[in-house]
Amino acid sequence: MAAAEMPEAKKAKTDPSVKYPEQDLSEVLGKHIIYTYENGWQYEIYFKSADMIHYRIHSGLVAGRWVTNREVCMTALGKGLVRINWQEPVGNIVTMVTSLEDRWLHSYFLMPKWITEDPMATVCHEDEHVEEMLKRREQGPTWPMHIAENAFATITFLEDVGTGRDDIIDCPPDKLPAGYASRKN
């Protein structure tokens, strides 16, 4: 059965005495951040809406890659924590938890074997090359998946630019003004 044909999952009965967090995502929506992982890799992300992000990679294995309008699933976990999950046409699987108030995030990021063997194949504006990325993924190999990141990052730049914008991340890193990614606040 194809994923699109999967029946909707039945919800299990939950304990009514347990109060789940309110799904208020206002802490992250419209925010634009630049962050640096413990290994020095630097990324940037814009939380465009409750189900959409844009991101750009400034340094690391696939530096130069940038993506707009990536569909995501965001969940408020309480106490200012928000989890963001997404999968990509190339086969990457990402889970990120962020605390903007405390200016940190943690990512767990799986990368298929074909990317570890040829990371430069994904360095582009992915939106313009989705069909090519899908073909590369199908050619594989996809297994074993490589843990590309399982680390904390420090948020070095944070601004509220509002939701729904397409001009926040709209070019590759090499087209940005000098010092753009080194901004701090």
N, C-alpha and C. Protein backbone atom coordinates (compact mmCIF):
# COMPACT_ATOMS: atom_id res chain seq x y z
N MET A 1 0.85 -1.18 0.00
CA MET A 1 0.00 0.00 0.00
C MET A 1 0.89 1.24 0.00
N ALA A 2 0.68 2.17 -0.90
CA ALA A 2 1.47 3.40 -0.97
C ALA A 2 1.15 4.30 0.21
N ALA A 3 2.09 5.14 0.57
CA ALA A 3 1.91 6.02 1.71
C ALA A 3 0.66 6.88 1.57
N ALA A 4 0.37 7.33 0.36
CA ALA A 4 -0.80 8.18 0.14
C ALA A 4 -2.10 7.42 0.38
N GLU A 5 -2.04 6.08 0.34
CA GLU A 5 -3.24 5.27 0.51
C GLU A 5 -3.39 4.74 1.93
N MET A 6 -2.46 5.07 2.79
CA MET A 6 -2.50 4.55 4.15
C MET A 6 -3.76 5.03 4.85
N PRO A 7 -4.44 4.14 5.57
CA PRO A 7 -5.61 4.57 6.32
C PRO A 7 -5.17 5.46 7.48
N GLU A 8 -6.05 6.36 7.88
CA GLU A 8 -5.73 7.24 8.98
C GLU A 8 -5.57 6.42 10.26
N ALA A 9 -4.55 6.75 11.02
CA ALA A 9 -4.27 6.03 12.26
C ALA A 9 -5.38 6.30 13.27
N LYS A 10 -5.75 5.26 13.99
CA LYS A 10 -6.74 5.42 15.04
C LYS A 10 -6.06 6.00 16.26
N LYS A 11 -6.72 6.95 16.90
CA LYS A 11 -6.15 7.56 18.10
C LYS A 11 -6.45 6.68 19.30
N ALA A 12 -5.39 6.41 20.04
CA ALA A 12 -5.56 5.63 21.26
C ALA A 12 -6.21 6.50 22.33
N LYS A 13 -6.92 5.86 23.22
CA LYS A 13 -7.49 6.61 24.33
C LYS A 13 -6.35 7.04 25.24
N THR A 14 -6.42 8.29 25.64
CA THR A 14 -5.37 8.82 26.51
C THR A 14 -5.93 9.05 27.91
N ASP A 15 -5.04 9.12 28.84
CA ASP A 15 -5.40 9.35 30.23
C ASP A 15 -5.89 10.80 30.36
N PRO A 16 -7.15 11.01 30.71
CA PRO A 16 -7.68 12.38 30.79
C PRO A 16 -7.02 13.22 31.88
N SER A 17 -6.32 12.59 32.81
CA SER A 17 -5.66 13.36 33.86
C SER A 17 -4.33 13.96 33.39
N VAL A 18 -3.86 13.53 32.22
CA VAL A 18 -2.61 14.07 31.68
C VAL A 18 -2.94 15.27 30.80
N LYS A 19 -2.31 16.40 31.10
CA LYS A 19 -2.55 17.60 30.30
C LYS A 19 -1.39 17.77 29.32
N TYR A 20 -1.70 17.66 28.03
CA TYR A 20 -0.69 17.84 26.99
C TYR A 20 -0.47 19.33 26.75
N PRO A 21 0.69 19.70 26.25
CA PRO A 21 0.97 21.12 26.02
C PRO A 21 0.03 21.73 24.99
N GLU A 22 -0.33 22.99 25.23
CA GLU A 22 -1.08 23.75 24.23
C GLU A 22 -0.23 23.84 22.98
N GLN A 23 -0.85 23.78 21.83
CA GLN A 23 -0.10 23.83 20.57
C GLN A 23 0.04 25.27 20.07
N ASP A 24 0.69 26.08 20.91
CA ASP A 24 0.97 27.47 20.58
C ASP A 24 2.39 27.54 20.01
N LEU A 25 2.50 27.78 18.73
CA LEU A 25 3.80 27.83 18.05
C LEU A 25 4.29 29.26 17.85
N SER A 26 3.64 30.22 18.49
CA SER A 26 3.99 31.63 18.26
C SER A 26 5.43 31.94 18.64
N GLU A 27 6.02 31.15 19.52
CA GLU A 27 7.41 31.40 19.90
C GLU A 27 8.37 31.26 18.72
N VAL A 28 8.05 30.40 17.75
CA VAL A 28 8.97 30.20 16.62
C VAL A 28 8.46 30.80 15.31
N LEU A 29 7.17 30.91 15.14
CA LEU A 29 6.64 31.37 13.85
C LEU A 29 7.12 32.78 13.52
N GLY A 30 7.62 32.94 12.31
CA GLY A 30 8.13 34.23 11.86
C GLY A 30 9.55 34.53 12.29
N LYS A 31 10.17 33.60 13.02
CA LYS A 31 11.54 33.83 13.48
C LYS A 31 12.54 33.36 12.43
N HIS A 32 13.63 34.09 12.36
CA HIS A 32 14.75 33.80 11.46
C HIS A 32 15.98 33.68 12.36
N ILE A 33 16.66 32.53 12.29
CA ILE A 33 17.82 32.33 13.17
C ILE A 33 19.03 31.83 12.38
N ILE A 34 20.19 32.15 12.89
CA ILE A 34 21.45 31.58 12.43
C ILE A 34 22.03 30.85 13.63
N TYR A 35 22.50 29.64 13.42
CA TYR A 35 22.98 28.83 14.54
C TYR A 35 24.21 28.03 14.13
N THR A 36 25.01 27.70 15.15
CA THR A 36 26.25 26.97 14.92
C THR A 36 26.29 25.74 15.81
N TYR A 37 26.50 24.58 15.18
CA TYR A 37 26.61 23.33 15.92
C TYR A 37 27.94 23.24 16.64
N GLU A 38 28.02 22.31 17.57
CA GLU A 38 29.24 22.09 18.36
C GLU A 38 30.45 21.79 17.47
N ASN A 39 30.23 21.20 16.30
CA ASN A 39 31.34 20.87 15.40
C ASN A 39 31.72 22.03 14.48
N GLY A 40 31.04 23.17 14.63
CA GLY A 40 31.36 24.36 13.84
C GLY A 40 30.49 24.56 12.61
N TRP A 41 29.67 23.57 12.25
CA TRP A 41 28.79 23.72 11.09
C TRP A 41 27.77 24.81 11.38
N GLN A 42 27.55 25.67 10.39
CA GLN A 42 26.63 26.79 10.58
C GLN A 42 25.46 26.70 9.59
N TYR A 43 24.27 26.88 10.13
CA TYR A 43 23.03 26.81 9.37
C TYR A 43 22.19 28.04 9.67
N GLU A 44 21.15 28.18 8.89
CA GLU A 44 20.19 29.27 9.05
C GLU A 44 18.81 28.71 8.74
N ILE A 45 17.80 29.15 9.49
CA ILE A 45 16.45 28.66 9.25
C ILE A 45 15.45 29.80 9.47
N TYR A 46 14.40 29.79 8.68
CA TYR A 46 13.30 30.74 8.81
C TYR A 46 12.03 29.92 8.97
N PHE A 47 11.31 30.16 10.07
CA PHE A 47 10.06 29.46 10.35
C PHE A 47 8.92 30.25 9.70
N LYS A 48 8.66 29.93 8.44
CA LYS A 48 7.73 30.69 7.60
C LYS A 48 6.28 30.55 8.06
N SER A 49 5.89 29.34 8.46
CA SER A 49 4.52 29.08 8.93
C SER A 49 4.55 27.83 9.80
N ALA A 50 3.40 27.42 10.30
CA ALA A 50 3.34 26.24 11.16
C ALA A 50 3.70 24.96 10.43
N ASP A 51 3.70 25.00 9.10
CA ASP A 51 4.03 23.79 8.34
C ASP A 51 5.06 24.03 7.23
N MET A 52 5.83 25.12 7.34
CA MET A 52 6.78 25.44 6.28
C MET A 52 8.01 26.16 6.85
N ILE A 53 9.19 25.74 6.37
CA ILE A 53 10.44 26.42 6.71
C ILE A 53 11.24 26.69 5.43
N HIS A 54 12.20 27.59 5.54
CA HIS A 54 13.25 27.78 4.54
C HIS A 54 14.55 27.59 5.31
N TYR A 55 15.58 27.03 4.70
CA TYR A 55 16.88 26.97 5.37
C TYR A 55 18.02 27.08 4.38
N ARG A 56 19.19 27.42 4.95
CA ARG A 56 20.40 27.61 4.14
C ARG A 56 21.57 27.08 4.98
N ILE A 57 22.51 26.40 4.31
CA ILE A 57 23.65 25.79 5.00
C ILE A 57 24.91 26.58 4.64
N HIS A 58 25.52 27.19 5.66
CA HIS A 58 26.69 28.04 5.46
C HIS A 58 28.00 27.27 5.54
N SER A 59 28.07 26.24 6.36
CA SER A 59 29.30 25.44 6.45
C SER A 59 28.94 24.03 6.88
N GLY A 60 29.82 23.10 6.57
CA GLY A 60 29.57 21.70 6.87
C GLY A 60 29.64 20.85 5.62
N LEU A 61 29.22 19.60 5.75
CA LEU A 61 29.32 18.62 4.68
C LEU A 61 28.65 19.06 3.38
N VAL A 62 27.51 19.72 3.48
CA VAL A 62 26.77 20.16 2.29
C VAL A 62 26.60 21.68 2.26
N ALA A 63 27.64 22.40 2.65
CA ALA A 63 27.61 23.87 2.63
C ALA A 63 27.25 24.35 1.23
N GLY A 64 26.37 25.34 1.19
CA GLY A 64 25.91 25.89 -0.09
C GLY A 64 24.51 25.43 -0.45
N ARG A 65 24.03 24.38 0.19
CA ARG A 65 22.68 23.87 -0.05
C ARG A 65 21.68 24.85 0.57
N TRP A 66 20.57 25.06 -0.13
CA TRP A 66 19.50 25.87 0.44
C TRP A 66 18.16 25.38 -0.09
N VAL A 67 17.16 25.51 0.75
CA VAL A 67 15.84 24.94 0.49
C VAL A 67 14.79 25.96 0.90
N THR A 68 13.77 26.11 0.08
CA THR A 68 12.64 26.97 0.44
C THR A 68 11.36 26.13 0.41
N ASN A 69 10.43 26.55 1.24
CA ASN A 69 9.11 25.90 1.31
C ASN A 69 9.18 24.40 1.60
N ARG A 70 10.02 24.03 2.56
CA ARG A 70 10.09 22.64 3.01
C ARG A 70 8.93 22.40 3.97
N GLU A 71 8.10 21.41 3.66
CA GLU A 71 6.99 21.07 4.54
C GLU A 71 7.53 20.40 5.80
N VAL A 72 7.00 20.83 6.94
CA VAL A 72 7.45 20.31 8.23
C VAL A 72 6.24 20.03 9.12
N CYS A 73 6.51 19.36 10.21
CA CYS A 73 5.51 19.14 11.26
C CYS A 73 6.09 19.73 12.54
N MET A 74 5.42 20.74 13.10
CA MET A 74 5.87 21.37 14.34
C MET A 74 4.96 20.97 15.48
N THR A 75 5.57 20.72 16.64
CA THR A 75 4.82 20.36 17.84
C THR A 75 5.38 21.13 19.03
N ALA A 76 4.52 21.85 19.74
CA ALA A 76 4.94 22.51 20.97
C ALA A 76 5.04 21.44 22.05
N LEU A 77 6.19 21.38 22.71
CA LEU A 77 6.41 20.37 23.74
C LEU A 77 6.26 20.93 25.14
N GLY A 78 5.97 22.22 25.26
CA GLY A 78 5.82 22.87 26.55
C GLY A 78 7.11 23.55 26.99
N LYS A 79 6.97 24.50 27.93
CA LYS A 79 8.11 25.22 28.49
C LYS A 79 9.02 25.83 27.42
N GLY A 80 8.43 26.34 26.35
CA GLY A 80 9.19 27.01 25.30
C GLY A 80 9.89 26.10 24.32
N LEU A 81 9.66 24.79 24.40
CA LEU A 81 10.30 23.85 23.49
C LEU A 81 9.38 23.54 22.31
N VAL A 82 9.96 23.56 21.11
CA VAL A 82 9.21 23.21 19.90
C VAL A 82 10.03 22.18 19.13
N ARG A 83 9.35 21.11 18.70
CA ARG A 83 10.00 20.09 17.87
C ARG A 83 9.56 20.30 16.44
N ILE A 84 10.53 20.22 15.52
CA ILE A 84 10.27 20.37 14.09
C ILE A 84 10.80 19.12 13.40
N ASN A 85 9.96 18.43 12.64
CA ASN A 85 10.36 17.22 11.91
C ASN A 85 10.11 17.43 10.43
N TRP A 86 11.03 16.88 9.62
CA TRP A 86 10.79 16.89 8.18
C TRP A 86 11.62 15.81 7.50
N GLN A 87 11.16 15.47 6.31
CA GLN A 87 11.92 14.57 5.43
C GLN A 87 12.11 15.29 4.11
N GLU A 88 13.14 14.87 3.38
CA GLU A 88 13.50 15.58 2.16
C GLU A 88 13.52 14.65 0.96
N PRO A 89 13.32 15.19 -0.23
CA PRO A 89 13.37 14.36 -1.44
C PRO A 89 14.67 13.57 -1.58
N VAL A 90 15.78 14.10 -1.06
CA VAL A 90 17.06 13.40 -1.16
C VAL A 90 17.12 12.19 -0.23
N GLY A 91 16.18 12.12 0.74
CA GLY A 91 16.15 11.01 1.69
C GLY A 91 16.55 11.39 3.09
N ASN A 92 16.97 12.64 3.32
CA ASN A 92 17.33 13.09 4.66
C ASN A 92 16.10 13.08 5.56
N ILE A 93 16.32 12.77 6.83
CA ILE A 93 15.28 12.83 7.84
C ILE A 93 15.83 13.68 8.98
N VAL A 94 15.07 14.72 9.37
CA VAL A 94 15.56 15.67 10.37
C VAL A 94 14.54 15.83 11.49
N THR A 95 15.04 15.82 12.73
CA THR A 95 14.26 16.18 13.90
C THR A 95 15.05 17.24 14.65
N MET A 96 14.40 18.35 14.92
CA MET A 96 15.04 19.47 15.62
C MET A 96 14.16 19.87 16.79
N VAL A 97 14.77 20.12 17.94
CA VAL A 97 14.07 20.69 19.09
C VAL A 97 14.74 22.01 19.38
N THR A 98 13.94 23.07 19.54
CA THR A 98 14.53 24.38 19.78
C THR A 98 13.94 25.06 21.00
N SER A 99 14.78 25.83 21.66
CA SER A 99 14.37 26.72 22.75
C SER A 99 14.92 28.09 22.39
N LEU A 100 14.11 28.90 21.73
CA LEU A 100 14.58 30.21 21.31
C LEU A 100 14.89 31.09 22.51
N GLU A 101 14.10 30.96 23.57
CA GLU A 101 14.34 31.76 24.78
C GLU A 101 15.73 31.49 25.35
N ASP A 102 16.14 30.23 25.35
CA ASP A 102 17.46 29.86 25.87
C ASP A 102 18.53 29.85 24.77
N ARG A 103 18.12 30.12 23.54
CA ARG A 103 19.02 30.27 22.38
C ARG A 103 19.84 29.03 22.08
N TRP A 104 19.15 27.89 22.05
CA TRP A 104 19.79 26.64 21.64
C TRP A 104 18.80 25.82 20.84
N LEU A 105 19.36 24.85 20.12
CA LEU A 105 18.54 23.84 19.48
C LEU A 105 19.33 22.55 19.45
N HIS A 106 18.64 21.46 19.22
CA HIS A 106 19.28 20.15 19.08
C HIS A 106 18.70 19.50 17.84
N SER A 107 19.58 18.96 17.00
CA SER A 107 19.13 18.27 15.79
C SER A 107 19.61 16.84 15.77
N TYR A 108 18.75 15.98 15.28
CA TYR A 108 19.10 14.60 14.95
C TYR A 108 18.77 14.47 13.48
N PHE A 109 19.80 14.18 12.68
CA PHE A 109 19.68 14.32 11.24
C PHE A 109 20.29 13.09 10.58
N LEU A 110 19.45 12.34 9.86
CA LEU A 110 19.90 11.14 9.15
C LEU A 110 20.07 11.44 7.67
N MET A 111 21.15 10.93 7.11
CA MET A 111 21.49 11.16 5.71
C MET A 111 21.70 9.81 5.03
N PRO A 112 21.10 9.57 3.86
CA PRO A 112 21.31 8.31 3.16
C PRO A 112 22.76 8.16 2.68
N LYS A 113 23.15 6.92 2.52
CA LYS A 113 24.53 6.62 2.14
C LYS A 113 24.96 7.33 0.86
N TRP A 114 24.06 7.45 -0.12
CA TRP A 114 24.46 8.06 -1.39
C TRP A 114 24.95 9.49 -1.20
N ILE A 115 24.39 10.22 -0.22
CA ILE A 115 24.83 11.59 0.01
C ILE A 115 26.21 11.61 0.67
N THR A 116 26.44 10.68 1.60
CA THR A 116 27.76 10.66 2.23
C THR A 116 28.84 10.32 1.21
N GLU A 117 28.47 9.58 0.16
CA GLU A 117 29.43 9.23 -0.89
C GLU A 117 29.61 10.37 -1.90
N ASP A 118 28.60 11.23 -2.05
CA ASP A 118 28.67 12.32 -3.03
C ASP A 118 27.89 13.54 -2.50
N PRO A 119 28.35 14.15 -1.40
CA PRO A 119 27.59 15.25 -0.79
C PRO A 119 27.38 16.44 -1.72
N MET A 120 28.31 16.71 -2.61
CA MET A 120 28.19 17.88 -3.49
C MET A 120 27.00 17.76 -4.45
N ALA A 121 26.50 16.56 -4.65
CA ALA A 121 25.34 16.38 -5.54
C ALA A 121 24.10 17.08 -5.01
N THR A 122 24.07 17.37 -3.71
CA THR A 122 22.90 18.02 -3.11
C THR A 122 23.10 19.51 -2.89
N VAL A 123 24.26 20.03 -3.22
CA VAL A 123 24.55 21.44 -2.97
C VAL A 123 23.98 22.26 -4.12
N CYS A 124 22.77 22.77 -3.87
CA CYS A 124 22.03 23.54 -4.87
C CYS A 124 20.81 24.12 -4.18
N HIS A 125 20.00 24.86 -4.93
CA HIS A 125 18.67 25.24 -4.45
C HIS A 125 17.78 24.05 -4.76
N GLU A 126 17.55 23.22 -3.75
CA GLU A 126 16.89 21.94 -3.99
C GLU A 126 15.56 22.07 -4.72
N ASP A 127 14.82 23.12 -4.44
CA ASP A 127 13.50 23.29 -5.04
C ASP A 127 13.55 23.24 -6.57
N GLU A 128 14.66 23.68 -7.14
CA GLU A 128 14.81 23.71 -8.59
C GLU A 128 15.31 22.38 -9.15
N HIS A 129 15.61 21.42 -8.28
CA HIS A 129 16.20 20.15 -8.71
C HIS A 129 15.53 18.94 -8.06
N VAL A 130 14.27 19.07 -7.68
CA VAL A 130 13.58 17.98 -6.96
C VAL A 130 13.57 16.69 -7.76
N GLU A 131 13.22 16.76 -9.04
CA GLU A 131 13.16 15.52 -9.85
C GLU A 131 14.52 14.84 -9.90
N GLU A 132 15.57 15.62 -10.07
CA GLU A 132 16.93 15.07 -10.09
C GLU A 132 17.28 14.43 -8.74
N MET A 133 16.90 15.10 -7.65
CA MET A 133 17.18 14.56 -6.31
C MET A 133 16.42 13.26 -6.08
N LEU A 134 15.18 13.20 -6.54
CA LEU A 134 14.40 11.97 -6.39
C LEU A 134 15.05 10.81 -7.15
N LYS A 135 15.55 11.09 -8.35
CA LYS A 135 16.23 10.05 -9.13
C LYS A 135 17.49 9.58 -8.42
N ARG A 136 18.26 10.53 -7.89
CA ARG A 136 19.49 10.16 -7.18
C ARG A 136 19.17 9.30 -5.96
N ARG A 137 18.10 9.69 -5.24
CA ARG A 137 17.71 8.92 -4.06
C ARG A 137 17.32 7.50 -4.46
N GLU A 138 16.54 7.36 -5.53
CA GLU A 138 16.11 6.03 -5.97
C GLU A 138 17.29 5.17 -6.43
N GLN A 139 18.32 5.79 -7.00
CA GLN A 139 19.51 5.05 -7.41
C GLN A 139 20.31 4.58 -6.20
N GLY A 140 20.22 5.35 -5.11
CA GLY A 140 20.87 4.97 -3.87
C GLY A 140 22.38 4.94 -3.95
N PRO A 141 22.98 4.22 -3.03
CA PRO A 141 22.33 3.45 -1.97
C PRO A 141 21.80 4.36 -0.86
N THR A 142 20.66 3.96 -0.29
CA THR A 142 20.10 4.73 0.81
C THR A 142 20.49 4.16 2.17
N TRP A 143 20.82 2.90 2.20
CA TRP A 143 21.15 2.24 3.47
C TRP A 143 22.61 1.85 3.47
N PRO A 144 23.30 1.96 4.56
CA PRO A 144 22.79 2.42 5.85
C PRO A 144 22.68 3.95 5.90
N MET A 145 21.72 4.40 6.69
CA MET A 145 21.59 5.83 6.93
C MET A 145 22.74 6.25 7.84
N HIS A 146 23.27 7.42 7.60
CA HIS A 146 24.38 7.97 8.36
C HIS A 146 23.84 9.04 9.31
N ILE A 147 24.24 9.00 10.56
CA ILE A 147 23.86 10.06 11.49
C ILE A 147 24.76 11.25 11.19
N ALA A 148 24.24 12.20 10.43
CA ALA A 148 25.02 13.36 10.01
C ALA A 148 25.15 14.38 11.14
N GLU A 149 24.17 14.42 12.02
CA GLU A 149 24.20 15.36 13.13
C GLU A 149 23.37 14.80 14.26
N ASN A 150 23.90 14.86 15.45
CA ASN A 150 23.19 14.52 16.68
C ASN A 150 23.81 15.40 17.73
N ALA A 151 23.48 16.70 17.66
CA ALA A 151 24.22 17.66 18.47
C ALA A 151 23.39 18.90 18.78
N PHE A 152 23.89 19.62 19.77
CA PHE A 152 23.33 20.92 20.12
C PHE A 152 23.95 21.99 19.24
N ALA A 153 23.23 23.08 19.11
CA ALA A 153 23.73 24.26 18.41
C ALA A 153 23.36 25.49 19.22
N THR A 154 24.19 26.51 19.12
CA THR A 154 23.93 27.79 19.76
C THR A 154 23.33 28.74 18.73
N ILE A 155 22.24 29.37 19.11
CA ILE A 155 21.61 30.37 18.24
C ILE A 155 22.39 31.67 18.42
N THR A 156 23.06 32.10 17.37
CA THR A 156 23.91 33.29 17.46
C THR A 156 23.21 34.54 16.94
N PHE A 157 22.18 34.35 16.13
CA PHE A 157 21.43 35.48 15.60
C PHE A 157 19.96 35.10 15.56
N LEU A 158 19.10 36.00 16.05
CA LEU A 158 17.67 35.74 16.12
C LEU A 158 16.94 37.04 15.81
N GLU A 159 15.99 36.96 14.88
CA GLU A 159 15.15 38.12 14.60
C GLU A 159 13.74 37.66 14.27
N ASP A 160 12.77 38.51 14.57
CA ASP A 160 11.38 38.25 14.22
C ASP A 160 11.08 39.05 12.96
N VAL A 161 10.88 38.34 11.86
CA VAL A 161 10.64 39.00 10.57
C VAL A 161 9.20 38.82 10.08
N GLY A 162 8.38 38.14 10.89
CA GLY A 162 7.00 37.89 10.49
C GLY A 162 6.88 36.64 9.64
N THR A 163 5.67 36.16 9.49
CA THR A 163 5.42 34.91 8.76
C THR A 163 5.14 35.17 7.29
N GLY A 164 5.21 34.09 6.52
CA GLY A 164 4.77 34.11 5.13
C GLY A 164 5.67 34.81 4.13
N ARG A 165 6.91 35.07 4.50
CA ARG A 165 7.80 35.82 3.60
C ARG A 165 8.66 34.88 2.75
N ASP A 166 8.93 35.31 1.53
CA ASP A 166 9.80 34.54 0.63
C ASP A 166 11.12 35.26 0.37
N ASP A 167 11.35 36.38 1.04
CA ASP A 167 12.57 37.16 0.81
C ASP A 167 13.60 37.01 1.92
N ILE A 168 13.38 36.12 2.87
CA ILE A 168 14.32 35.96 3.99
C ILE A 168 15.48 35.06 3.58
N ILE A 169 15.17 33.91 3.04
CA ILE A 169 16.19 33.00 2.50
C ILE A 169 15.84 32.82 1.03
N ASP A 170 16.53 33.58 0.19
CA ASP A 170 16.16 33.61 -1.23
C ASP A 170 17.36 33.56 -2.18
N CYS A 171 18.51 33.13 -1.65
CA CYS A 171 19.70 33.00 -2.50
C CYS A 171 20.69 32.05 -1.82
N PRO A 172 21.67 31.56 -2.57
CA PRO A 172 22.68 30.69 -1.96
C PRO A 172 23.61 31.49 -1.04
N PRO A 173 24.28 30.81 -0.11
CA PRO A 173 25.17 31.52 0.82
C PRO A 173 26.24 32.36 0.14
N ASP A 174 26.74 31.92 -1.00
CA ASP A 174 27.83 32.67 -1.65
C ASP A 174 27.36 33.97 -2.30
N LYS A 175 26.07 34.23 -2.30
CA LYS A 175 25.54 35.48 -2.85
C LYS A 175 25.19 36.48 -1.74
N LEU A 176 25.46 36.13 -0.49
CA LEU A 176 25.15 37.00 0.65
C LEU A 176 26.26 38.02 0.86
N PRO A 177 25.93 39.17 1.48
CA PRO A 177 26.97 40.16 1.76
C PRO A 177 28.00 39.61 2.75
N ALA A 178 29.21 40.12 2.67
CA ALA A 178 30.27 39.71 3.61
C ALA A 178 29.79 39.94 5.04
N GLY A 179 30.06 38.97 5.92
CA GLY A 179 29.70 39.09 7.32
C GLY A 179 28.27 38.71 7.66
N TYR A 180 27.47 38.37 6.67
CA TYR A 180 26.05 38.05 6.90
C TYR A 180 25.88 36.98 7.97
N ALA A 181 26.56 35.85 7.81
CA ALA A 181 26.37 34.71 8.72
C ALA A 181 27.06 34.90 10.06
N SER A 182 27.95 35.87 10.17
CA SER A 182 28.66 36.08 11.44
C SER A 182 27.96 37.10 12.33
N ARG A 183 26.80 37.59 11.91
CA ARG A 183 26.03 38.53 12.75
C ARG A 183 25.66 37.87 14.06
N LYS A 184 25.68 38.66 15.13
CA LYS A 184 25.30 38.15 16.46
C LYS A 184 24.41 39.19 17.14
N ASN A 185 23.48 38.69 17.92
CA ASN A 185 22.67 39.60 18.74
C ASN A 185 22.23 38.89 20.01
